[in-house]
Amino acid sequence: APGKEREGVSCISSSDGSTFYVDSVKGRFTVSRDNAKRTV
């Protein structure tokens, strides 16, 4: 954000597809991946 340090928001694993979120976005953001499309 403007004037703020960069922060982590979310992460998705390669091996089992586990997902993780920073507390401020839990329940609002959803991360997913499609390896065939090489897209997250």
PDB file of all heavy atoms in Angstrom:
ATOM      1  N   ALA A   1       0.840  -1.187   0.000  1.00  0.00           N
ATOM      2  CA  ALA A   1       0.000   0.000   0.000  1.00  0.00           C
ATOM      3  C   ALA A   1       0.878   1.240   0.000  1.00  0.00           C
ATOM      4  O   ALA A   1       2.032   1.196   0.440  1.00  0.00           O
ATOM      5  CB  ALA A   1      -0.918  -0.012   1.217  1.00  0.00           C
ATOM      6  N   PRO A   2       0.341   2.368  -0.458  1.00  0.00           N
ATOM      7  CA  PRO A   2       1.132   3.601  -0.465  1.00  0.00           C
ATOM      8  C   PRO A   2       1.667   3.933   0.921  1.00  0.00           C
ATOM      9  O   PRO A   2       0.923   3.942   1.903  1.00  0.00           O
ATOM     10  CB  PRO A   2       0.137   4.656  -0.948  1.00  0.00           C
ATOM     11  CG  PRO A   2      -0.855   3.891  -1.753  1.00  0.00           C
ATOM     12  CD  PRO A   2      -0.989   2.567  -1.059  1.00  0.00           C
ATOM     13  N   GLY A   3       2.956   4.196   1.002  1.00  0.00           N
ATOM     14  CA  GLY A   3       3.571   4.585   2.253  1.00  0.00           C
ATOM     15  C   GLY A   3       3.784   3.464   3.243  1.00  0.00           C
ATOM     16  O   GLY A   3       4.188   3.738   4.384  1.00  0.00           O
ATOM     17  N   LYS A   4       3.537   2.218   2.853  1.00  0.00           N
ATOM     18  CA  LYS A   4       3.675   1.082   3.762  1.00  0.00           C
ATOM     19  C   LYS A   4       4.618   0.042   3.173  1.00  0.00           C
ATOM     20  O   LYS A   4       4.875   0.016   1.972  1.00  0.00           O
ATOM     21  CB  LYS A   4       2.313   0.445   4.043  1.00  0.00           C
ATOM     22  CG  LYS A   4       1.308   1.375   4.687  1.00  0.00           C
ATOM     23  CD  LYS A   4      -0.011   0.685   4.955  1.00  0.00           C
ATOM     24  CE  LYS A   4       0.116  -0.363   6.033  1.00  0.00           C
ATOM     25  NZ  LYS A   4      -1.211  -0.977   6.366  1.00  0.00           N
ATOM     26  N   GLU A   5       5.138  -0.803   4.041  1.00  0.00           N
ATOM     27  CA  GLU A   5       5.999  -1.883   3.597  1.00  0.00           C
ATOM     28  C   GLU A   5       5.186  -2.977   2.923  1.00  0.00           C
ATOM     29  O   GLU A   5       4.004  -3.162   3.212  1.00  0.00           O
ATOM     30  CB  GLU A   5       6.777  -2.468   4.778  1.00  0.00           C
ATOM     31  CG  GLU A   5       7.765  -1.509   5.406  1.00  0.00           C
ATOM     32  CD  GLU A   5       8.582  -2.158   6.493  1.00  0.00           C
ATOM     33  OE1 GLU A   5       8.297  -3.312   6.858  1.00  0.00           O
ATOM     34  OE2 GLU A   5       9.513  -1.506   6.980  1.00  0.00           O
ATOM     35  N   ARG A   6       5.835  -3.714   2.040  1.00  0.00           N
ATOM     36  CA  ARG A   6       5.183  -4.834   1.392  1.00  0.00           C
ATOM     37  C   ARG A   6       4.915  -5.945   2.400  1.00  0.00           C
ATOM     38  O   ARG A   6       5.771  -6.262   3.233  1.00  0.00           O
ATOM     39  CB  ARG A   6       6.050  -5.350   0.244  1.00  0.00           C
ATOM     40  CG  ARG A   6       5.381  -6.412  -0.600  1.00  0.00           C
ATOM     41  CD  ARG A   6       5.960  -6.456  -1.995  1.00  0.00           C
ATOM     42  NE  ARG A   6       7.403  -6.621  -1.991  1.00  0.00           N
ATOM     43  CZ  ARG A   6       8.160  -6.484  -3.070  1.00  0.00           C
ATOM     44  NH1 ARG A   6       7.613  -6.149  -4.234  1.00  0.00           N
ATOM     45  NH2 ARG A   6       9.465  -6.652  -2.974  1.00  0.00           N
ATOM     46  N   GLU A   7       3.728  -6.530   2.335  1.00  0.00           N
ATOM     47  CA  GLU A   7       3.345  -7.581   3.253  1.00  0.00           C
ATOM     48  C   GLU A   7       2.870  -8.811   2.499  1.00  0.00           C
ATOM     49  O   GLU A   7       2.360  -8.716   1.381  1.00  0.00           O
ATOM     50  CB  GLU A   7       2.236  -7.104   4.191  1.00  0.00           C
ATOM     51  CG  GLU A   7       0.933  -6.778   3.491  1.00  0.00           C
ATOM     52  CD  GLU A   7      -0.211  -6.488   4.446  1.00  0.00           C
ATOM     53  OE1 GLU A   7      -0.115  -6.862   5.630  1.00  0.00           O
ATOM     54  OE2 GLU A   7      -1.209  -5.888   4.006  1.00  0.00           O
ATOM     55  N   GLY A   8       3.028  -9.962   3.124  1.00  0.00           N
ATOM     56  CA  GLY A   8       2.486 -11.185   2.571  1.00  0.00           C
ATOM     57  C   GLY A   8       0.984 -11.249   2.764  1.00  0.00           C
ATOM     58  O   GLY A   8       0.458 -10.835   3.801  1.00  0.00           O
ATOM     59  N   VAL A   9       0.285 -11.765   1.775  1.00  0.00           N
ATOM     60  CA  VAL A   9      -1.172 -11.861   1.794  1.00  0.00           C
ATOM     61  C   VAL A   9      -1.640 -13.306   1.821  1.00  0.00           C
ATOM     62  O   VAL A   9      -2.511 -13.682   2.614  1.00  0.00           O
ATOM     63  CB  VAL A   9      -1.783 -11.132   0.586  1.00  0.00           C
ATOM     64  CG1 VAL A   9      -3.297 -11.291   0.569  1.00  0.00           C
ATOM     65  CG2 VAL A   9      -1.390  -9.663   0.595  1.00  0.00           C
ATOM     66  N   SER A  10      -1.085 -14.125   0.936  1.00  0.00           N
ATOM     67  CA  SER A  10      -1.559 -15.490   0.777  1.00  0.00           C
ATOM     68  C   SER A  10      -0.472 -16.329   0.141  1.00  0.00           C
ATOM     69  O   SER A  10       0.473 -15.804  -0.454  1.00  0.00           O
ATOM     70  CB  SER A  10      -2.832 -15.505  -0.080  1.00  0.00           C
ATOM     71  OG  SER A  10      -3.374 -16.808  -0.179  1.00  0.00           O
ATOM     72  N   CYS A  11      -0.634 -17.656   0.244  1.00  0.00           N
ATOM     73  CA  CYS A  11       0.347 -18.571  -0.319  1.00  0.00           C
ATOM     74  C   CYS A  11      -0.340 -19.890  -0.617  1.00  0.00           C
ATOM     75  O   CYS A  11      -1.225 -20.318   0.134  1.00  0.00           O
ATOM     76  CB  CYS A  11       1.500 -18.771   0.669  1.00  0.00           C
ATOM     77  SG  CYS A  11       2.996 -19.517  -0.003  1.00  0.00           S
ATOM     78  N   ILE A  12       0.072 -20.544  -1.706  1.00  0.00           N
ATOM     79  CA  ILE A  12      -0.463 -21.853  -2.054  1.00  0.00           C
ATOM     80  C   ILE A  12       0.702 -22.779  -2.375  1.00  0.00           C
ATOM     81  O   ILE A  12       1.601 -22.433  -3.138  1.00  0.00           O
ATOM     82  CB  ILE A  12      -1.479 -21.774  -3.211  1.00  0.00           C
ATOM     83  CG1 ILE A  12      -2.085 -23.151  -3.489  1.00  0.00           C
ATOM     84  CG2 ILE A  12      -0.869 -21.166  -4.468  1.00  0.00           C
ATOM     85  CD1 ILE A  12      -3.345 -23.092  -4.332  1.00  0.00           C
ATOM     86  N   SER A  13       0.674 -23.961  -1.773  1.00  0.00           N
ATOM     87  CA  SER A  13       1.768 -24.910  -1.903  1.00  0.00           C
ATOM     88  C   SER A  13       1.759 -25.583  -3.265  1.00  0.00           C
ATOM     89  O   SER A  13       0.722 -25.687  -3.930  1.00  0.00           O
ATOM     90  CB  SER A  13       1.675 -25.978  -0.815  1.00  0.00           C
ATOM     91  OG  SER A  13       1.755 -25.417   0.477  1.00  0.00           O
ATOM     92  N   SER A  14       2.922 -26.071  -3.666  1.00  0.00           N
ATOM     93  CA  SER A  14       3.024 -26.834  -4.905  1.00  0.00           C
ATOM     94  C   SER A  14       2.661 -28.294  -4.717  1.00  0.00           C
ATOM     95  O   SER A  14       2.077 -28.904  -5.602  1.00  0.00           O
ATOM     96  CB  SER A  14       4.440 -26.738  -5.468  1.00  0.00           C
ATOM     97  OG  SER A  14       5.374 -27.373  -4.612  1.00  0.00           O
ATOM     98  N   SER A  15       3.006 -28.874  -3.570  1.00  0.00           N
ATOM     99  CA  SER A  15       2.905 -30.307  -3.367  1.00  0.00           C
ATOM    100  C   SER A  15       1.481 -30.782  -3.122  1.00  0.00           C
ATOM    101  O   SER A  15       1.006 -31.705  -3.786  1.00  0.00           O
ATOM    102  CB  SER A  15       3.799 -30.741  -2.209  1.00  0.00           C
ATOM    103  OG  SER A  15       3.488 -30.025  -1.029  1.00  0.00           O
ATOM    104  N   ASP A  16       0.791 -30.171  -2.176  1.00  0.00           N
ATOM    105  CA  ASP A  16      -0.542 -30.627  -1.804  1.00  0.00           C
ATOM    106  C   ASP A  16      -1.627 -29.571  -1.983  1.00  0.00           C
ATOM    107  O   ASP A  16      -2.783 -29.828  -1.645  1.00  0.00           O
ATOM    108  CB  ASP A  16      -0.557 -31.145  -0.371  1.00  0.00           C
ATOM    109  CG  ASP A  16      -0.171 -30.099   0.653  1.00  0.00           C
ATOM    110  OD1 ASP A  16       0.003 -28.918   0.279  1.00  0.00           O
ATOM    111  OD2 ASP A  16      -0.035 -30.454   1.838  1.00  0.00           O
ATOM    112  N   GLY A  17      -1.277 -28.408  -2.478  1.00  0.00           N
ATOM    113  CA  GLY A  17      -2.259 -27.366  -2.704  1.00  0.00           C
ATOM    114  C   GLY A  17      -2.766 -26.684  -1.457  1.00  0.00           C
ATOM    115  O   GLY A  17      -3.790 -25.986  -1.522  1.00  0.00           O
ATOM    116  N   SER A  18      -2.096 -26.852  -0.331  1.00  0.00           N
ATOM    117  CA  SER A  18      -2.513 -26.190   0.897  1.00  0.00           C
ATOM    118  C   SER A  18      -2.460 -24.683   0.731  1.00  0.00           C
ATOM    119  O   SER A  18      -1.578 -24.148   0.051  1.00  0.00           O
ATOM    120  CB  SER A  18      -1.624 -26.613   2.065  1.00  0.00           C
ATOM    121  OG  SER A  18      -1.725 -28.006   2.303  1.00  0.00           O
ATOM    122  N   THR A  19      -3.401 -23.990   1.360  1.00  0.00           N
ATOM    123  CA  THR A  19      -3.503 -22.542   1.237  1.00  0.00           C
ATOM    124  C   THR A  19      -3.335 -21.867   2.581  1.00  0.00           C
ATOM    125  O   THR A  19      -3.706 -22.418   3.625  1.00  0.00           O
ATOM    126  CB  THR A  19      -4.846 -22.136   0.615  1.00  0.00           C
ATOM    127  OG1 THR A  19      -5.919 -22.654   1.418  1.00  0.00           O
ATOM    128  CG2 THR A  19      -4.972 -22.689  -0.791  1.00  0.00           C
ATOM    129  N   PHE A  20      -2.814 -20.651   2.546  1.00  0.00           N
ATOM    130  CA  PHE A  20      -2.503 -19.897   3.750  1.00  0.00           C
ATOM    131  C   PHE A  20      -2.811 -18.432   3.511  1.00  0.00           C
ATOM    132  O   PHE A  20      -2.690 -17.930   2.387  1.00  0.00           O
ATOM    133  CB  PHE A  20      -1.027 -20.074   4.128  1.00  0.00           C
ATOM    134  CG  PHE A  20      -0.646 -21.506   4.341  1.00  0.00           C
ATOM    135  CD1 PHE A  20      -0.290 -22.307   3.269  1.00  0.00           C
ATOM    136  CD2 PHE A  20      -0.664 -22.058   5.604  1.00  0.00           C
ATOM    137  CE1 PHE A  20       0.049 -23.639   3.455  1.00  0.00           C
ATOM    138  CE2 PHE A  20      -0.331 -23.383   5.808  1.00  0.00           C
ATOM    139  CZ  PHE A  20       0.025 -24.170   4.732  1.00  0.00           C
ATOM    140  N   TYR A  21      -3.195 -17.730   4.592  1.00  0.00           N
ATOM    141  CA  TYR A  21      -3.615 -16.349   4.480  1.00  0.00           C
ATOM    142  C   TYR A  21      -3.154 -15.556   5.692  1.00  0.00           C
ATOM    143  O   TYR A  21      -3.103 -16.070   6.813  1.00  0.00           O
ATOM    144  CB  TYR A  21      -5.137 -16.236   4.397  1.00  0.00           C
ATOM    145  CG  TYR A  21      -5.734 -17.040   3.281  1.00  0.00           C
ATOM    146  CD1 TYR A  21      -6.148 -18.349   3.492  1.00  0.00           C
ATOM    147  CD2 TYR A  21      -5.877 -16.493   2.014  1.00  0.00           C
ATOM    148  CE1 TYR A  21      -6.688 -19.102   2.463  1.00  0.00           C
ATOM    149  CE2 TYR A  21      -6.420 -17.240   0.980  1.00  0.00           C
ATOM    150  CZ  TYR A  21      -6.824 -18.544   1.213  1.00  0.00           C
ATOM    151  OH  TYR A  21      -7.363 -19.281   0.182  1.00  0.00           O
ATOM    152  N   VAL A  22      -2.868 -14.292   5.463  1.00  0.00           N
ATOM    153  CA  VAL A  22      -2.642 -13.393   6.572  1.00  0.00           C
ATOM    154  C   VAL A  22      -3.989 -13.130   7.253  1.00  0.00           C
ATOM    155  O   VAL A  22      -5.049 -13.187   6.617  1.00  0.00           O
ATOM    156  CB  VAL A  22      -1.985 -12.086   6.074  1.00  0.00           C
ATOM    157  CG1 VAL A  22      -2.948 -11.250   5.268  1.00  0.00           C
ATOM    158  CG2 VAL A  22      -1.402 -11.298   7.228  1.00  0.00           C
ATOM    159  N   ASP A  23      -3.956 -12.872   8.560  1.00  0.00           N
ATOM    160  CA  ASP A  23      -5.189 -12.777   9.330  1.00  0.00           C
ATOM    161  C   ASP A  23      -6.168 -11.756   8.758  1.00  0.00           C
ATOM    162  O   ASP A  23      -7.388 -11.973   8.781  1.00  0.00           O
ATOM    163  CB  ASP A  23      -4.880 -12.421  10.783  1.00  0.00           C
ATOM    164  CG  ASP A  23      -4.300 -13.574  11.565  1.00  0.00           C
ATOM    165  OD1 ASP A  23      -4.362 -14.723  11.080  1.00  0.00           O
ATOM    166  OD2 ASP A  23      -3.784 -13.337  12.674  1.00  0.00           O
ATOM    167  N   SER A  24      -5.675 -10.660   8.238  1.00  0.00           N
ATOM    168  CA  SER A  24      -6.549  -9.585   7.802  1.00  0.00           C
ATOM    169  C   SER A  24      -7.408  -9.941   6.590  1.00  0.00           C
ATOM    170  O   SER A  24      -8.389  -9.248   6.311  1.00  0.00           O
ATOM    171  CB  SER A  24      -5.726  -8.333   7.490  1.00  0.00           C
ATOM    172  OG  SER A  24      -4.794  -8.573   6.457  1.00  0.00           O
ATOM    173  N   VAL A  25      -7.074 -11.010   5.864  1.00  0.00           N
ATOM    174  CA  VAL A  25      -7.850 -11.393   4.685  1.00  0.00           C
ATOM    175  C   VAL A  25      -8.518 -12.746   4.832  1.00  0.00           C
ATOM    176  O   VAL A  25      -9.259 -13.155   3.920  1.00  0.00           O
ATOM    177  CB  VAL A  25      -6.997 -11.372   3.404  1.00  0.00           C
ATOM    178  CG1 VAL A  25      -6.257 -10.049   3.270  1.00  0.00           C
ATOM    179  CG2 VAL A  25      -6.015 -12.540   3.361  1.00  0.00           C
ATOM    180  N   LYS A  26      -8.323 -13.440   5.927  1.00  0.00           N
ATOM    181  CA  LYS A  26      -8.949 -14.745   6.113  1.00  0.00           C
ATOM    182  C   LYS A  26     -10.466 -14.622   6.049  1.00  0.00           C
ATOM    183  O   LYS A  26     -11.055 -13.737   6.663  1.00  0.00           O
ATOM    184  CB  LYS A  26      -8.529 -15.353   7.449  1.00  0.00           C
ATOM    185  CG  LYS A  26      -7.113 -15.866   7.477  1.00  0.00           C
ATOM    186  CD  LYS A  26      -6.759 -16.461   8.836  1.00  0.00           C
ATOM    187  CE  LYS A  26      -5.334 -16.982   8.847  1.00  0.00           C
ATOM    188  NZ  LYS A  26      -4.946 -17.493  10.183  1.00  0.00           N
ATOM    189  N   GLY A  27     -11.073 -15.520   5.300  1.00  0.00           N
ATOM    190  CA  GLY A  27     -12.510 -15.493   5.120  1.00  0.00           C
ATOM    191  C   GLY A  27     -12.971 -14.609   3.993  1.00  0.00           C
ATOM    192  O   GLY A  27     -14.146 -14.680   3.604  1.00  0.00           O
ATOM    193  N   ARG A  28     -12.087 -13.781   3.456  1.00  0.00           N
ATOM    194  CA  ARG A  28     -12.441 -12.884   2.358  1.00  0.00           C
ATOM    195  C   ARG A  28     -11.714 -13.218   1.057  1.00  0.00           C
ATOM    196  O   ARG A  28     -12.269 -13.022  -0.018  1.00  0.00           O
ATOM    197  CB  ARG A  28     -12.139 -11.432   2.737  1.00  0.00           C
ATOM    198  CG  ARG A  28     -12.912 -10.935   3.945  1.00  0.00           C
ATOM    199  CD  ARG A  28     -12.754  -9.429   4.119  1.00  0.00           C
ATOM    200  NE  ARG A  28     -11.361  -9.047   4.338  1.00  0.00           N
ATOM    201  CZ  ARG A  28     -10.669  -8.221   3.553  1.00  0.00           C
ATOM    202  NH1 ARG A  28     -11.254  -7.691   2.474  1.00  0.00           N
ATOM    203  NH2 ARG A  28      -9.415  -7.918   3.832  1.00  0.00           N
ATOM    204  N   PHE A  29     -10.479 -13.679   1.157  1.00  0.00           N
ATOM    205  CA  PHE A  29      -9.673 -13.989  -0.017  1.00  0.00           C
ATOM    206  C   PHE A  29      -9.520 -15.494  -0.151  1.00  0.00           C
ATOM    207  O   PHE A  29      -9.432 -16.217   0.854  1.00  0.00           O
ATOM    208  CB  PHE A  29      -8.280 -13.374   0.097  1.00  0.00           C
ATOM    209  CG  PHE A  29      -8.212 -11.877  -0.002  1.00  0.00           C
ATOM    210  CD1 PHE A  29      -9.356 -11.096   0.042  1.00  0.00           C
ATOM    211  CD2 PHE A  29      -6.983 -11.259  -0.137  1.00  0.00           C
ATOM    212  CE1 PHE A  29      -9.281  -9.712  -0.042  1.00  0.00           C
ATOM    213  CE2 PHE A  29      -6.896  -9.884  -0.222  1.00  0.00           C
ATOM    214  CZ  PHE A  29      -8.037  -9.112  -0.177  1.00  0.00           C
ATOM    215  N   THR A  30      -9.447 -15.969  -1.395  1.00  0.00           N
ATOM    216  CA  THR A  30      -9.237 -17.376  -1.683  1.00  0.00           C
ATOM    217  C   THR A  30      -8.180 -17.508  -2.775  1.00  0.00           C
ATOM    218  O   THR A  30      -8.330 -16.938  -3.853  1.00  0.00           O
ATOM    219  CB  THR A  30     -10.528 -18.065  -2.141  1.00  0.00           C
ATOM    220  OG1 THR A  30     -11.535 -17.928  -1.132  1.00  0.00           O
ATOM    221  CG2 THR A  30     -10.278 -19.550  -2.389  1.00  0.00           C
ATOM    222  N   VAL A  31      -7.128 -18.260  -2.495  1.00  0.00           N
ATOM    223  CA  VAL A  31      -6.085 -18.500  -3.482  1.00  0.00           C
ATOM    224  C   VAL A  31      -6.259 -19.903  -4.063  1.00  0.00           C
ATOM    225  O   VAL A  31      -6.637 -20.837  -3.348  1.00  0.00           O
ATOM    226  CB  VAL A  31      -4.682 -18.315  -2.861  1.00  0.00           C
ATOM    227  CG1 VAL A  31      -4.391 -19.363  -1.793  1.00  0.00           C
ATOM    228  CG2 VAL A  31      -3.605 -18.322  -3.936  1.00  0.00           C
ATOM    229  N   SER A  32      -6.007 -20.043  -5.350  1.00  0.00           N
ATOM    230  CA  SER A  32      -6.103 -21.338  -6.018  1.00  0.00           C
ATOM    231  C   SER A  32      -5.080 -21.380  -7.143  1.00  0.00           C
ATOM    232  O   SER A  32      -4.521 -20.352  -7.528  1.00  0.00           O
ATOM    233  CB  SER A  32      -7.519 -21.583  -6.548  1.00  0.00           C
ATOM    234  OG  SER A  32      -7.890 -20.588  -7.488  1.00  0.00           O
ATOM    235  N   ARG A  33      -4.846 -22.584  -7.663  1.00  0.00           N
ATOM    236  CA  ARG A  33      -3.905 -22.706  -8.775  1.00  0.00           C
ATOM    237  C   ARG A  33      -4.377 -23.746  -9.762  1.00  0.00           C
ATOM    238  O   ARG A  33      -5.062 -24.712  -9.407  1.00  0.00           O
ATOM    239  CB  ARG A  33      -2.491 -23.037  -8.274  1.00  0.00           C
ATOM    240  CG  ARG A  33      -2.304 -24.414  -7.678  1.00  0.00           C
ATOM    241  CD  ARG A  33      -0.939 -24.527  -6.996  1.00  0.00           C
ATOM    242  NE  ARG A  33       0.153 -24.446  -7.958  1.00  0.00           N
ATOM    243  CZ  ARG A  33       1.420 -24.177  -7.630  1.00  0.00           C
ATOM    244  NH1 ARG A  33       1.739 -23.941  -6.350  1.00  0.00           N
ATOM    245  NH2 ARG A  33       2.357 -24.130  -8.570  1.00  0.00           N
ATOM    246  N   ASP A  34      -3.993 -23.542 -11.012  1.00  0.00           N
ATOM    247  CA  ASP A  34      -4.272 -24.463 -12.099  1.00  0.00           C
ATOM    248  C   ASP A  34      -2.939 -24.724 -12.778  1.00  0.00           C
ATOM    249  O   ASP A  34      -2.467 -23.908 -13.575  1.00  0.00           O
ATOM    250  CB  ASP A  34      -5.288 -23.870 -13.072  1.00  0.00           C
ATOM    251  CG  ASP A  34      -5.708 -24.830 -14.160  1.00  0.00           C
ATOM    252  OD1 ASP A  34      -4.949 -25.758 -14.479  1.00  0.00           O
ATOM    253  OD2 ASP A  34      -6.815 -24.652 -14.706  1.00  0.00           O
ATOM    254  N   ASN A  35      -2.331 -25.844 -12.444  1.00  0.00           N
ATOM    255  CA  ASN A  35      -0.993 -26.116 -12.959  1.00  0.00           C
ATOM    256  C   ASN A  35      -0.983 -26.311 -14.472  1.00  0.00           C
ATOM    257  O   ASN A  35       0.013 -25.981 -15.129  1.00  0.00           O
ATOM    258  CB  ASN A  35      -0.399 -27.339 -12.267  1.00  0.00           C
ATOM    259  CG  ASN A  35       0.020 -27.053 -10.838  1.00  0.00           C
ATOM    260  OD1 ASN A  35       0.166 -25.897 -10.443  1.00  0.00           O
ATOM    261  ND2 ASN A  35       0.216 -28.100 -10.057  1.00  0.00           N
ATOM    262  N   ALA A  36      -2.051 -26.851 -15.026  1.00  0.00           N
ATOM    263  CA  ALA A  36      -2.117 -27.026 -16.472  1.00  0.00           C
ATOM    264  C   ALA A  36      -2.072 -25.688 -17.193  1.00  0.00           C
ATOM    265  O   ALA A  36      -1.518 -25.590 -18.290  1.00  0.00           O
ATOM    266  CB  ALA A  36      -3.373 -27.801 -16.859  1.00  0.00           C
ATOM    267  N   LYS A  37      -2.672 -24.667 -16.595  1.00  0.00           N
ATOM    268  CA  LYS A  37      -2.660 -23.328 -17.172  1.00  0.00           C
ATOM    269  C   LYS A  37      -1.514 -22.472 -16.647  1.00  0.00           C
ATOM    270  O   LYS A  37      -1.390 -21.315 -17.054  1.00  0.00           O
ATOM    271  CB  LYS A  37      -3.986 -22.627 -16.903  1.00  0.00           C
ATOM    272  CG  LYS A  37      -5.178 -23.292 -17.555  1.00  0.00           C
ATOM    273  CD  LYS A  37      -6.456 -22.521 -17.267  1.00  0.00           C
ATOM    274  CE  LYS A  37      -7.650 -23.162 -17.952  1.00  0.00           C
ATOM    275  NZ  LYS A  37      -8.913 -22.440 -17.650  1.00  0.00           N
ATOM    276  N   ARG A  38      -0.714 -23.023 -15.769  1.00  0.00           N
ATOM    277  CA  ARG A  38       0.399 -22.299 -15.162  1.00  0.00           C
ATOM    278  C   ARG A  38      -0.069 -20.975 -14.567  1.00  0.00           C
ATOM    279  O   ARG A  38       0.566 -19.927 -14.746  1.00  0.00           O
ATOM    280  CB  ARG A  38       1.509 -22.079 -16.190  1.00  0.00           C
ATOM    281  CG  ARG A  38       2.055 -23.369 -16.785  1.00  0.00           C
ATOM    282  CD  ARG A  38       3.089 -23.104 -17.866  1.00  0.00           C
ATOM    283  NE  ARG A  38       4.225 -22.365 -17.358  1.00  0.00           N
ATOM    284  CZ  ARG A  38       5.271 -22.907 -16.752  1.00  0.00           C
ATOM    285  NH1 ARG A  38       5.339 -24.219 -16.581  1.00  0.00           N
ATOM    286  NH2 ARG A  38       6.260 -22.126 -16.329  1.00  0.00           N
ATOM    287  N   THR A  39      -1.175 -21.025 -13.852  1.00  0.00           N
ATOM    288  CA  THR A  39      -1.822 -19.821 -13.355  1.00  0.00           C
ATOM    289  C   THR A  39      -2.238 -19.994 -11.905  1.00  0.00           C
ATOM    290  O   THR A  39      -2.720 -21.057 -11.508  1.00  0.00           O
ATOM    291  CB  THR A  39      -3.057 -19.486 -14.211  1.00  0.00           C
ATOM    292  OG1 THR A  39      -2.664 -19.307 -15.575  1.00  0.00           O
ATOM    293  CG2 THR A  39      -3.709 -18.204 -13.717  1.00  0.00           C
ATOM    294  N   VAL A  40      -2.051 -18.938 -11.129  1.00  0.00           N
ATOM    295  CA  VAL A  40      -2.548 -18.836  -9.765  1.00  0.00           C
ATOM    296  C   VAL A  40      -3.539 -17.692  -9.705  1.00  0.00           C
ATOM    297  O   VAL A  40      -3.341 -16.652 -10.348  1.00  0.00           O
ATOM    298  CB  VAL A  40      -1.399 -18.623  -8.765  1.00  0.00           C
ATOM    299  CG1 VAL A  40      -1.933 -18.247  -7.389  1.00  0.00           C
ATOM    300  CG2 VAL A  40      -0.558 -19.883  -8.662  1.00  0.00           C
TER     301      VAL A  40
END
